[in-house]
Amino acid sequence: MSQWTFLTNHAHVLIHLTGNPGSRIRDIAMAVGITERSVQGILHDLEEVGYVTTSKVGRRNTYKVQPDLRFRHPAEANHKIGELLRIFSS
């Protein structure tokens, strides 16, 4: 039987960052169940299109998710990502 889930790793990272904006890459990787290198790639993807912004606080990064941006896929493009994030932050 194949192991699949409804949400992508990109979604899992966004969900994690919503409640844990000061997480280290290592923390995100452990929470999502992927490698640190995968997290770095996902963060790059998310930052590149504006879903996440990064700021330095001392030596650490703090991540801010932009919940008012819309999903990228045409089938969900009329919804904001904040709608999904609210489901998992309650």
Protein backbone atom coordinates (compact mmCIF):
# COMPACT_ATOMS: atom_id res chain seq x y z
CA MET A 1 0.00 0.00 0.00
CA SER A 2 1.41 3.42 -0.94
CA GLN A 3 2.02 6.09 1.65
CA TRP A 4 0.46 9.35 0.54
CA THR A 5 -1.14 12.35 2.21
CA PHE A 6 -3.55 15.05 1.15
CA LEU A 7 -1.19 17.93 1.95
CA THR A 8 2.18 18.60 0.36
CA ASN A 9 5.36 19.22 2.30
CA HIS A 10 5.04 22.89 1.29
CA ALA A 11 1.68 23.01 3.09
CA HIS A 12 3.11 21.23 6.13
CA VAL A 13 5.94 23.77 6.35
CA LEU A 14 3.47 26.69 6.09
CA ILE A 15 1.27 25.18 8.77
CA HIS A 16 4.24 24.64 11.07
CA LEU A 17 5.56 28.18 10.56
CA THR A 18 2.15 29.69 11.29
CA GLY A 19 2.34 28.50 14.88
CA ASN A 20 6.14 28.45 15.21
CA PRO A 21 7.63 31.45 13.39
CA GLY A 22 10.95 31.21 15.22
CA SER A 23 11.60 27.57 14.36
CA ARG A 24 15.01 26.51 13.17
CA ILE A 25 15.29 24.56 9.95
CA ARG A 26 16.09 21.51 12.04
CA ASP A 27 12.88 21.98 14.05
CA ILE A 28 10.80 22.33 10.88
CA ALA A 29 12.38 19.22 9.35
CA MET A 30 11.63 17.15 12.44
CA ALA A 31 8.04 18.41 12.66
CA VAL A 32 7.29 17.77 9.00
CA GLY A 33 9.31 14.55 8.73
CA ILE A 34 11.62 15.62 5.91
CA THR A 35 15.30 16.49 5.61
CA GLU A 36 16.77 19.87 6.48
CA ARG A 37 17.85 20.23 2.86
CA SER A 38 14.24 19.70 1.75
CA VAL A 39 13.08 22.37 4.20
CA GLN A 40 15.65 24.80 2.81
CA GLY A 41 14.36 24.18 -0.71
CA ILE A 42 10.74 24.59 0.36
CA LEU A 43 11.52 27.81 2.24
CA HIS A 44 13.27 29.12 -0.86
CA ASP A 45 10.21 28.27 -2.98
CA LEU A 46 7.83 29.90 -0.51
CA GLU A 47 9.97 33.03 -0.12
CA GLU A 48 10.49 33.38 -3.85
CA VAL A 49 6.76 33.81 -4.50
CA GLY A 50 6.03 35.77 -1.30
CA TYR A 51 4.17 33.21 0.82
CA VAL A 52 6.84 33.54 3.52
CA THR A 53 9.10 36.43 4.46
CA THR A 54 12.20 35.99 6.57
CA SER A 55 13.76 38.41 9.01
CA LYS A 56 16.82 38.06 11.20
CA VAL A 57 16.42 38.30 14.95
CA GLY A 58 19.90 38.09 16.39
CA ARG A 59 21.45 35.00 14.86
CA ARG A 60 18.11 33.33 14.10
CA ASN A 61 15.53 33.69 11.40
CA THR A 62 11.91 34.48 12.06
CA TYR A 63 9.39 33.52 9.42
CA LYS A 64 6.15 35.31 8.64
CA VAL A 65 3.50 33.58 6.58
CA GLN A 66 1.43 35.84 4.31
CA PRO A 67 -2.09 34.40 4.81
CA ASP A 68 -3.82 36.77 2.39
CA LEU A 69 -2.09 35.33 -0.67
CA ARG A 70 -4.09 32.96 -2.82
CA PHE A 71 -3.43 29.34 -3.69
CA ARG A 72 -1.45 28.84 -6.88
CA HIS A 73 -3.47 26.05 -8.47
CA PRO A 74 -6.37 27.31 -10.63
CA ALA A 75 -8.83 25.00 -8.88
CA GLU A 76 -8.17 26.74 -5.52
CA ALA A 77 -7.07 30.18 -6.73
CA ASN A 78 -10.21 31.83 -5.35
CA HIS A 79 -9.15 30.88 -1.80
CA LYS A 80 -6.54 32.47 0.44
CA ILE A 81 -3.96 30.23 2.11
CA GLY A 82 -5.07 31.68 5.43
CA GLU A 83 -8.25 29.66 5.11
CA LEU A 84 -6.24 26.43 5.17
CA LEU A 85 -3.94 27.66 7.91
CA ARG A 86 -6.88 28.51 10.18
CA ILE A 87 -8.14 24.94 9.96
CA PHE A 88 -4.90 23.59 11.37
CA SER A 89 -4.16 26.34 13.88
CA SER A 90 -7.25 25.80 16.00
